[in-house]
Structures are given as C-alpha cells and as structure tokens.
Amino acid sequence: MFGRNQQKKDFNETSGGLTESESRRLAKLRHIIYILSVCIQYFVAFMIIIGIIITLWSTPIQLSQLTDIDSDSLIEFLKYTINIIIAVELIRVLCNQTLDTIVEILLIAITRELIIEHMSQMEMLLGILAVAVLFVIRKYLFVSQLDK
C-alpha cells in the first residue's frame, strides 16, 4: 500500500521534518549544551566555595565585635553567619539538585528573613505561612523515590 518513500515522508512530517542524521546531530548538540551547563554549575559552586573561604577569614573580626554593648552587633553576626550557611546550602543545591535540598535552602532563606529583618506584622505572617507551606510540601507532597 504505502511505499518506502511514503513512510519516510510520514515520519518526517511527524518529527518536525528532521531526517535521522539531523535528529542525531540535534541530540548531540543538546548533550553538549547539557554538559556545558553542568560544567558552569560546578564552576559557580567552586567560586562560591572560594567566596566562603575568604569570608570565613573575617569571622574572628565578627566575633570580636560581639563584645560591644550594642545589640545590633549580635544581629549583624547572625546575618553574617546565616549568609554563610545559605551559601553552603546553595552549593549543595548546585551539586545535588533534589527537591529536598531546594526546600531546605528555601526554609533557611525564609527563616533568615524572619529572624533577622524587622518586618511588619503582615510580612511576618506571610513568612510564617511560607515556612508552614514548605513544611507541608516536605511532609506530604515530597516523594523521595521520584527525586532519585
């Protein structure tokens, strides 16, 4: 009924008009772009690690400022250390992209804002609701088998 040319024509129409060799080249290009994006992710993670190491050198200075009577020195120290923790978690997200690590970094970032920043009551309520939603997602909607 259908000749070989008719089958080939039907295949080309359903696959966007690409021949088999074009499809292979496109798949190769996608693979190269994927590998390049992974390399860039690891490079960014490495640069964040260098930034954390440089930042850790000034931690003793931050600790020495805690002896001031000023109550803002504790808040500044908390901002400083929680930002380091967020950077470490960001490295984990870049290197191990799972739903669990993403939810963890969101929890830490939102909690940081709730603890450190002086917000209005409505902003505080929205932050608490965001944390509650993240806990609900983690507890009831997260299926670890799908993430692996």
N, C-alpha and C. Protein backbone atom coordinates (compact mmCIF):
# COMPACT_ATOMS: atom_id res chain seq x y z
N MET A 1 0.82 -1.19 0.00
CA MET A 1 0.00 0.00 0.00
C MET A 1 0.86 1.25 0.00
N PHE A 2 1.58 1.41 1.11
CA PHE A 2 2.46 2.56 1.19
C PHE A 2 3.85 2.14 0.76
N GLY A 3 4.45 2.94 -0.04
CA GLY A 3 5.82 2.68 -0.43
C GLY A 3 6.77 3.18 0.63
N ARG A 4 8.01 2.85 0.46
CA ARG A 4 9.04 3.26 1.42
C ARG A 4 9.16 4.79 1.49
N ASN A 5 9.00 5.44 0.36
CA ASN A 5 9.09 6.91 0.35
C ASN A 5 7.92 7.53 1.10
N GLN A 6 6.75 6.92 0.99
CA GLN A 6 5.59 7.45 1.71
C GLN A 6 5.77 7.33 3.22
N GLN A 7 6.33 6.19 3.69
CA GLN A 7 6.59 6.02 5.12
C GLN A 7 7.61 7.04 5.60
N LYS A 8 8.66 7.27 4.81
CA LYS A 8 9.68 8.25 5.18
C LYS A 8 9.08 9.64 5.26
N LYS A 9 8.20 9.96 4.30
CA LYS A 9 7.56 11.27 4.28
C LYS A 9 6.69 11.45 5.52
N ASP A 10 5.92 10.41 5.88
CA ASP A 10 5.08 10.48 7.08
C ASP A 10 5.93 10.68 8.32
N PHE A 11 7.09 9.98 8.41
CA PHE A 11 7.98 10.13 9.55
C PHE A 11 8.51 11.55 9.63
N ASN A 12 8.92 12.12 8.51
CA ASN A 12 9.47 13.47 8.51
C ASN A 12 8.43 14.50 8.89
N GLU A 13 7.18 14.29 8.50
CA GLU A 13 6.14 15.24 8.85
C GLU A 13 5.83 15.20 10.34
N THR A 14 5.88 14.02 10.96
CA THR A 14 5.56 13.91 12.38
C THR A 14 6.73 14.31 13.26
N SER A 15 7.96 14.24 12.77
CA SER A 15 9.12 14.58 13.60
C SER A 15 9.63 15.98 13.32
N GLY A 16 8.79 16.81 12.76
CA GLY A 16 9.19 18.18 12.52
C GLY A 16 10.02 18.33 11.26
N GLY A 17 10.02 17.36 10.40
CA GLY A 17 10.74 17.46 9.15
C GLY A 17 12.22 17.16 9.25
N LEU A 18 12.68 16.57 10.34
CA LEU A 18 14.10 16.27 10.52
C LEU A 18 14.42 14.88 10.02
N THR A 19 15.53 14.78 9.34
CA THR A 19 16.00 13.46 8.95
C THR A 19 16.66 12.79 10.14
N GLU A 20 17.00 11.54 9.98
CA GLU A 20 17.61 10.80 11.08
C GLU A 20 18.97 11.38 11.47
N SER A 21 19.76 11.77 10.48
CA SER A 21 21.08 12.35 10.78
C SER A 21 20.94 13.72 11.45
N GLU A 22 19.94 14.50 11.02
CA GLU A 22 19.69 15.79 11.67
C GLU A 22 19.25 15.60 13.11
N SER A 23 18.42 14.59 13.36
CA SER A 23 17.97 14.30 14.72
C SER A 23 19.14 13.89 15.60
N ARG A 24 20.06 13.09 15.04
CA ARG A 24 21.25 12.70 15.82
C ARG A 24 22.12 13.91 16.13
N ARG A 25 22.30 14.79 15.14
CA ARG A 25 23.11 16.00 15.38
C ARG A 25 22.46 16.89 16.43
N LEU A 26 21.14 17.01 16.36
CA LEU A 26 20.43 17.82 17.35
C LEU A 26 20.55 17.21 18.75
N ALA A 27 20.48 15.90 18.84
CA ALA A 27 20.65 15.22 20.13
C ALA A 27 22.07 15.42 20.65
N LYS A 28 23.05 15.36 19.77
CA LYS A 28 24.44 15.60 20.16
C LYS A 28 24.63 17.03 20.68
N LEU A 29 24.01 18.00 19.97
CA LEU A 29 24.10 19.40 20.39
C LEU A 29 23.44 19.59 21.75
N ARG A 30 22.29 18.97 21.97
CA ARG A 30 21.63 19.06 23.28
C ARG A 30 22.52 18.48 24.38
N HIS A 31 23.18 17.37 24.09
CA HIS A 31 24.07 16.74 25.07
C HIS A 31 25.26 17.66 25.38
N ILE A 32 25.83 18.28 24.36
CA ILE A 32 26.95 19.20 24.57
C ILE A 32 26.51 20.39 25.41
N ILE A 33 25.33 20.94 25.12
CA ILE A 33 24.82 22.08 25.90
C ILE A 33 24.58 21.65 27.34
N TYR A 34 24.06 20.45 27.55
CA TYR A 34 23.83 19.95 28.91
C TYR A 34 25.15 19.82 29.66
N ILE A 35 26.15 19.22 29.03
CA ILE A 35 27.46 19.05 29.67
C ILE A 35 28.06 20.42 29.99
N LEU A 36 27.94 21.37 29.08
CA LEU A 36 28.46 22.71 29.30
C LEU A 36 27.76 23.39 30.48
N SER A 37 26.44 23.22 30.57
CA SER A 37 25.71 23.83 31.68
C SER A 37 26.11 23.21 33.02
N VAL A 38 26.36 21.90 33.05
CA VAL A 38 26.82 21.24 34.28
C VAL A 38 28.19 21.77 34.68
N CYS A 39 29.07 21.94 33.70
CA CYS A 39 30.41 22.48 34.00
C CYS A 39 30.31 23.89 34.56
N ILE A 40 29.42 24.71 34.00
CA ILE A 40 29.24 26.07 34.51
C ILE A 40 28.69 26.04 35.93
N GLN A 41 27.76 25.12 36.21
CA GLN A 41 27.23 24.99 37.57
C GLN A 41 28.33 24.68 38.56
N TYR A 42 29.20 23.73 38.22
CA TYR A 42 30.28 23.37 39.13
C TYR A 42 31.30 24.50 39.26
N PHE A 43 31.51 25.25 38.20
CA PHE A 43 32.41 26.39 38.27
C PHE A 43 31.85 27.44 39.23
N VAL A 44 30.55 27.72 39.11
CA VAL A 44 29.91 28.68 40.01
C VAL A 44 29.98 28.18 41.45
N ALA A 45 29.75 26.89 41.66
CA ALA A 45 29.85 26.31 43.01
C ALA A 45 31.26 26.47 43.56
N PHE A 46 32.27 26.25 42.71
CA PHE A 46 33.66 26.42 43.14
C PHE A 46 33.94 27.88 43.51
N MET A 47 33.42 28.81 42.73
CA MET A 47 33.63 30.23 43.04
C MET A 47 32.94 30.60 44.36
N ILE A 48 31.77 30.02 44.62
CA ILE A 48 31.09 30.28 45.89
C ILE A 48 31.92 29.73 47.05
N ILE A 49 32.53 28.56 46.85
CA ILE A 49 33.40 27.99 47.89
C ILE A 49 34.56 28.93 48.18
N ILE A 50 35.17 29.47 47.14
CA ILE A 50 36.27 30.42 47.34
C ILE A 50 35.76 31.64 48.11
N GLY A 51 34.58 32.14 47.75
CA GLY A 51 34.00 33.28 48.47
C GLY A 51 33.74 32.96 49.93
N ILE A 52 33.29 31.75 50.22
CA ILE A 52 33.04 31.34 51.61
C ILE A 52 34.36 31.29 52.38
N ILE A 53 35.39 30.73 51.76
CA ILE A 53 36.69 30.65 52.44
C ILE A 53 37.22 32.04 52.74
N ILE A 54 37.10 32.95 51.79
CA ILE A 54 37.55 34.33 52.03
C ILE A 54 36.72 34.96 53.13
N THR A 55 35.42 34.71 53.12
CA THR A 55 34.53 35.28 54.14
C THR A 55 34.84 34.72 55.53
N LEU A 56 35.20 33.45 55.60
CA LEU A 56 35.49 32.84 56.91
C LEU A 56 36.71 33.46 57.57
N TRP A 57 37.61 34.04 56.79
CA TRP A 57 38.79 34.69 57.39
C TRP A 57 38.41 35.86 58.29
N SER A 58 37.28 36.50 57.96
CA SER A 58 36.89 37.65 58.78
C SER A 58 35.91 37.28 59.90
N THR A 59 35.66 36.00 60.10
CA THR A 59 34.79 35.57 61.19
C THR A 59 35.32 35.97 62.57
N PRO A 60 36.62 35.85 62.84
CA PRO A 60 37.11 36.32 64.15
C PRO A 60 36.85 37.81 64.38
N ILE A 61 36.90 38.59 63.34
CA ILE A 61 36.59 40.02 63.48
C ILE A 61 35.13 40.19 63.88
N GLN A 62 34.27 39.42 63.24
CA GLN A 62 32.84 39.48 63.58
C GLN A 62 32.60 39.04 65.02
N LEU A 63 33.33 38.01 65.46
CA LEU A 63 33.19 37.54 66.85
C LEU A 63 33.66 38.59 67.84
N SER A 64 34.74 39.28 67.50
CA SER A 64 35.26 40.29 68.43
C SER A 64 34.30 41.45 68.57
N GLN A 65 33.49 41.70 67.56
CA GLN A 65 32.53 42.80 67.64
C GLN A 65 31.34 42.45 68.52
N LEU A 66 31.20 41.18 68.90
CA LEU A 66 30.11 40.79 69.79
C LEU A 66 30.31 41.33 71.21
N THR A 67 31.52 41.70 71.56
CA THR A 67 31.78 42.22 72.90
C THR A 67 31.24 43.64 73.08
N ASP A 68 30.85 44.28 71.99
CA ASP A 68 30.25 45.61 72.09
C ASP A 68 28.93 45.52 72.84
N ILE A 69 28.59 46.56 73.52
CA ILE A 69 27.34 46.62 74.27
C ILE A 69 26.14 46.72 73.32
N ASP A 70 26.38 47.19 72.14
CA ASP A 70 25.33 47.43 71.16
C ASP A 70 24.62 46.11 70.79
N SER A 71 23.30 46.12 70.80
CA SER A 71 22.55 44.90 70.47
C SER A 71 22.57 44.61 68.98
N ASP A 72 22.90 45.58 68.19
CA ASP A 72 22.96 45.35 66.74
C ASP A 72 24.13 44.46 66.35
N SER A 73 25.14 44.35 67.22
CA SER A 73 26.29 43.52 66.88
C SER A 73 25.89 42.05 66.79
N LEU A 74 24.98 41.59 67.65
CA LEU A 74 24.51 40.21 67.56
C LEU A 74 23.72 39.98 66.28
N ILE A 75 22.87 40.93 65.92
CA ILE A 75 22.08 40.82 64.69
C ILE A 75 23.02 40.79 63.48
N GLU A 76 24.03 41.63 63.48
CA GLU A 76 25.00 41.64 62.37
C GLU A 76 25.75 40.32 62.29
N PHE A 77 26.11 39.76 63.44
CA PHE A 77 26.80 38.47 63.45
C PHE A 77 25.89 37.37 62.91
N LEU A 78 24.62 37.38 63.31
CA LEU A 78 23.67 36.39 62.80
C LEU A 78 23.48 36.52 61.29
N LYS A 79 23.37 37.76 60.80
CA LYS A 79 23.27 37.97 59.36
C LYS A 79 24.48 37.37 58.65
N TYR A 80 25.63 37.65 59.19
CA TYR A 80 26.89 37.20 58.61
C TYR A 80 26.95 35.67 58.54
N THR A 81 26.67 35.03 59.66
CA THR A 81 26.80 33.57 59.71
C THR A 81 25.68 32.86 58.93
N ILE A 82 24.48 33.38 58.98
CA ILE A 82 23.39 32.74 58.24
C ILE A 82 23.61 32.89 56.73
N ASN A 83 24.19 34.00 56.31
CA ASN A 83 24.52 34.14 54.89
C ASN A 83 25.55 33.10 54.45
N ILE A 84 26.49 32.78 55.32
CA ILE A 84 27.47 31.73 55.01
C ILE A 84 26.76 30.38 54.90
N ILE A 85 25.84 30.12 55.82
CA ILE A 85 25.08 28.86 55.78
C ILE A 85 24.26 28.77 54.50
N ILE A 86 23.63 29.86 54.10
CA ILE A 86 22.85 29.87 52.86
C ILE A 86 23.76 29.61 51.66
N ALA A 87 24.96 30.18 51.66
CA ALA A 87 25.90 29.94 50.56
C ALA A 87 26.31 28.47 50.49
N VAL A 88 26.53 27.86 51.65
CA VAL A 88 26.88 26.43 51.67
C VAL A 88 25.70 25.60 51.14
N GLU A 89 24.50 25.94 51.54
CA GLU A 89 23.32 25.22 51.04
C GLU A 89 23.15 25.44 49.54
N LEU A 90 23.47 26.61 49.06
CA LEU A 90 23.39 26.88 47.62
C LEU A 90 24.35 25.98 46.85
N ILE A 91 25.52 25.75 47.41
CA ILE A 91 26.47 24.83 46.79
C ILE A 91 25.87 23.43 46.72
N ARG A 92 25.22 23.02 47.81
CA ARG A 92 24.56 21.70 47.80
C ARG A 92 23.49 21.62 46.72
N VAL A 93 22.73 22.70 46.54
CA VAL A 93 21.69 22.70 45.52
C VAL A 93 22.31 22.63 44.13
N LEU A 94 23.41 23.35 43.92
CA LEU A 94 24.05 23.32 42.61
C LEU A 94 24.63 21.96 42.29
N CYS A 95 25.16 21.28 43.29
CA CYS A 95 25.81 19.99 43.06
C CYS A 95 24.86 18.81 43.18
N ASN A 96 23.81 18.95 43.94
CA ASN A 96 22.88 17.85 44.18
C ASN A 96 21.46 18.40 44.08
N GLN A 97 20.94 18.45 42.88
CA GLN A 97 19.65 19.09 42.65
C GLN A 97 18.51 18.11 42.95
N THR A 98 18.09 18.14 44.20
CA THR A 98 16.93 17.35 44.59
C THR A 98 15.89 18.28 45.19
N LEU A 99 14.67 17.81 45.26
CA LEU A 99 13.62 18.62 45.86
C LEU A 99 13.92 18.91 47.33
N ASP A 100 14.53 17.95 48.00
CA ASP A 100 14.85 18.11 49.42
C ASP A 100 15.82 19.27 49.65
N THR A 101 16.89 19.34 48.84
CA THR A 101 17.87 20.41 49.03
C THR A 101 17.27 21.77 48.67
N ILE A 102 16.41 21.80 47.67
CA ILE A 102 15.78 23.06 47.30
C ILE A 102 14.84 23.54 48.40
N VAL A 103 14.05 22.63 48.97
CA VAL A 103 13.16 23.02 50.07
C VAL A 103 13.97 23.47 51.28
N GLU A 104 15.09 22.79 51.56
CA GLU A 104 15.94 23.19 52.69
C GLU A 104 16.48 24.60 52.54
N ILE A 105 16.99 24.93 51.35
CA ILE A 105 17.56 26.28 51.18
C ILE A 105 16.46 27.34 51.24
N LEU A 106 15.28 27.03 50.73
CA LEU A 106 14.17 27.97 50.86
C LEU A 106 13.77 28.17 52.31
N LEU A 107 13.75 27.08 53.08
CA LEU A 107 13.44 27.19 54.51
C LEU A 107 14.46 28.07 55.23
N ILE A 108 15.73 27.85 54.94
CA ILE A 108 16.77 28.63 55.61
C ILE A 108 16.68 30.10 55.22
N ALA A 109 16.47 30.37 53.93
CA ALA A 109 16.41 31.75 53.48
C ALA A 109 15.20 32.49 54.06
N ILE A 110 14.05 31.84 54.08
CA ILE A 110 12.86 32.49 54.64
C ILE A 110 13.00 32.66 56.14
N THR A 111 13.54 31.66 56.81
CA THR A 111 13.74 31.76 58.25
C THR A 111 14.72 32.87 58.59
N ARG A 112 15.76 33.02 57.78
CA ARG A 112 16.73 34.11 57.98
C ARG A 112 16.01 35.45 57.95
N GLU A 113 15.15 35.64 56.95
CA GLU A 113 14.42 36.90 56.85
C GLU A 113 13.52 37.12 58.06
N LEU A 114 12.90 36.05 58.54
CA LEU A 114 12.01 36.18 59.69
C LEU A 114 12.76 36.55 60.95
N ILE A 115 13.96 35.98 61.12
CA ILE A 115 14.72 36.22 62.34
C ILE A 115 15.45 37.56 62.30
N ILE A 116 16.07 37.85 61.20
CA ILE A 116 16.98 39.00 61.13
C ILE A 116 16.27 40.32 60.83
N GLU A 117 15.43 40.31 59.83
CA GLU A 117 14.84 41.56 59.37
C GLU A 117 13.68 41.99 60.27
N HIS A 118 13.53 43.27 60.39
CA HIS A 118 12.42 43.83 61.16
C HIS A 118 11.28 44.10 60.19
N MET A 119 10.26 43.26 60.26
CA MET A 119 9.16 43.32 59.30
C MET A 119 7.88 43.76 59.98
N SER A 120 6.93 44.13 59.12
CA SER A 120 5.60 44.43 59.64
C SER A 120 4.92 43.11 60.02
N GLN A 121 3.82 43.21 60.72
CA GLN A 121 3.12 42.00 61.15
C GLN A 121 2.60 41.20 59.97
N MET A 122 2.16 41.87 58.92
CA MET A 122 1.65 41.18 57.75
C MET A 122 2.78 40.44 57.03
N GLU A 123 3.94 41.05 56.90
CA GLU A 123 5.09 40.38 56.29
C GLU A 123 5.54 39.20 57.13
N MET A 124 5.52 39.36 58.44
CA MET A 124 5.88 38.26 59.34
C MET A 124 4.90 37.10 59.19
N LEU A 125 3.60 37.40 59.11
CA LEU A 125 2.60 36.37 58.93
C LEU A 125 2.79 35.64 57.60
N LEU A 126 3.07 36.39 56.54
CA LEU A 126 3.31 35.76 55.23
C LEU A 126 4.55 34.87 55.27
N GLY A 127 5.58 35.31 55.97
CA GLY A 127 6.80 34.50 56.11
C GLY A 127 6.53 33.21 56.87
N ILE A 128 5.75 33.31 57.94
CA ILE A 128 5.41 32.11 58.71
C ILE A 128 4.56 31.16 57.88
N LEU A 129 3.63 31.70 57.11
CA LEU A 129 2.81 30.87 56.22
C LEU A 129 3.67 30.20 55.15
N ALA A 130 4.67 30.92 54.64
CA ALA A 130 5.57 30.33 53.64
C ALA A 130 6.35 29.16 54.23
N VAL A 131 6.84 29.33 55.46
CA VAL A 131 7.55 28.23 56.12
C VAL A 131 6.62 27.06 56.35
N ALA A 132 5.39 27.34 56.78
CA ALA A 132 4.41 26.27 57.01
C ALA A 132 4.12 25.52 55.71
N VAL A 133 3.96 26.25 54.61
CA VAL A 133 3.70 25.61 53.32
C VAL A 133 4.89 24.74 52.91
N LEU A 134 6.11 25.22 53.14
CA LEU A 134 7.29 24.41 52.80
C LEU A 134 7.34 23.14 53.64
N PHE A 135 6.98 23.23 54.92
CA PHE A 135 6.93 22.03 55.76
C PHE A 135 5.86 21.06 55.28
N VAL A 136 4.71 21.58 54.87
CA VAL A 136 3.64 20.72 54.36
C VAL A 136 4.09 20.04 53.07
N ILE A 137 4.74 20.80 52.19
CA ILE A 137 5.27 20.21 50.95
C ILE A 137 6.26 19.11 51.27
N ARG A 138 7.14 19.39 52.21
CA ARG A 138 8.17 18.41 52.57
C ARG A 138 7.57 17.16 53.20
N LYS A 139 6.54 17.35 54.02
CA LYS A 139 5.96 16.22 54.75
C LYS A 139 5.01 15.39 53.88
N TYR A 140 4.12 16.05 53.12
CA TYR A 140 3.05 15.33 52.47
C TYR A 140 3.20 15.20 50.95
N LEU A 141 3.82 16.15 50.30
CA LEU A 141 3.87 16.12 48.84
C LEU A 141 5.20 15.63 48.29
N PHE A 142 6.19 15.52 49.13
CA PHE A 142 7.52 15.13 48.66
C PHE A 142 7.63 13.61 48.66
N VAL A 143 7.93 13.05 47.50
CA VAL A 143 8.14 11.62 47.36
C VAL A 143 9.60 11.42 46.97
N SER A 144 10.41 10.89 47.88
CA SER A 144 11.85 10.81 47.64
C SER A 144 12.20 9.87 46.50
N GLN A 145 11.37 8.89 46.21
CA GLN A 145 11.68 7.98 45.11
C GLN A 145 11.63 8.69 43.77
N LEU A 146 10.76 9.68 43.62
CA LEU A 146 10.68 10.43 42.38
C LEU A 146 11.89 11.32 42.18
N ASP A 147 12.55 11.67 43.24
CA ASP A 147 13.66 12.61 43.18
C ASP A 147 14.95 11.93 42.79
N LYS A 148 15.03 10.62 42.85
CA LYS A 148 16.29 9.92 42.60
C LYS A 148 16.42 9.46 41.19
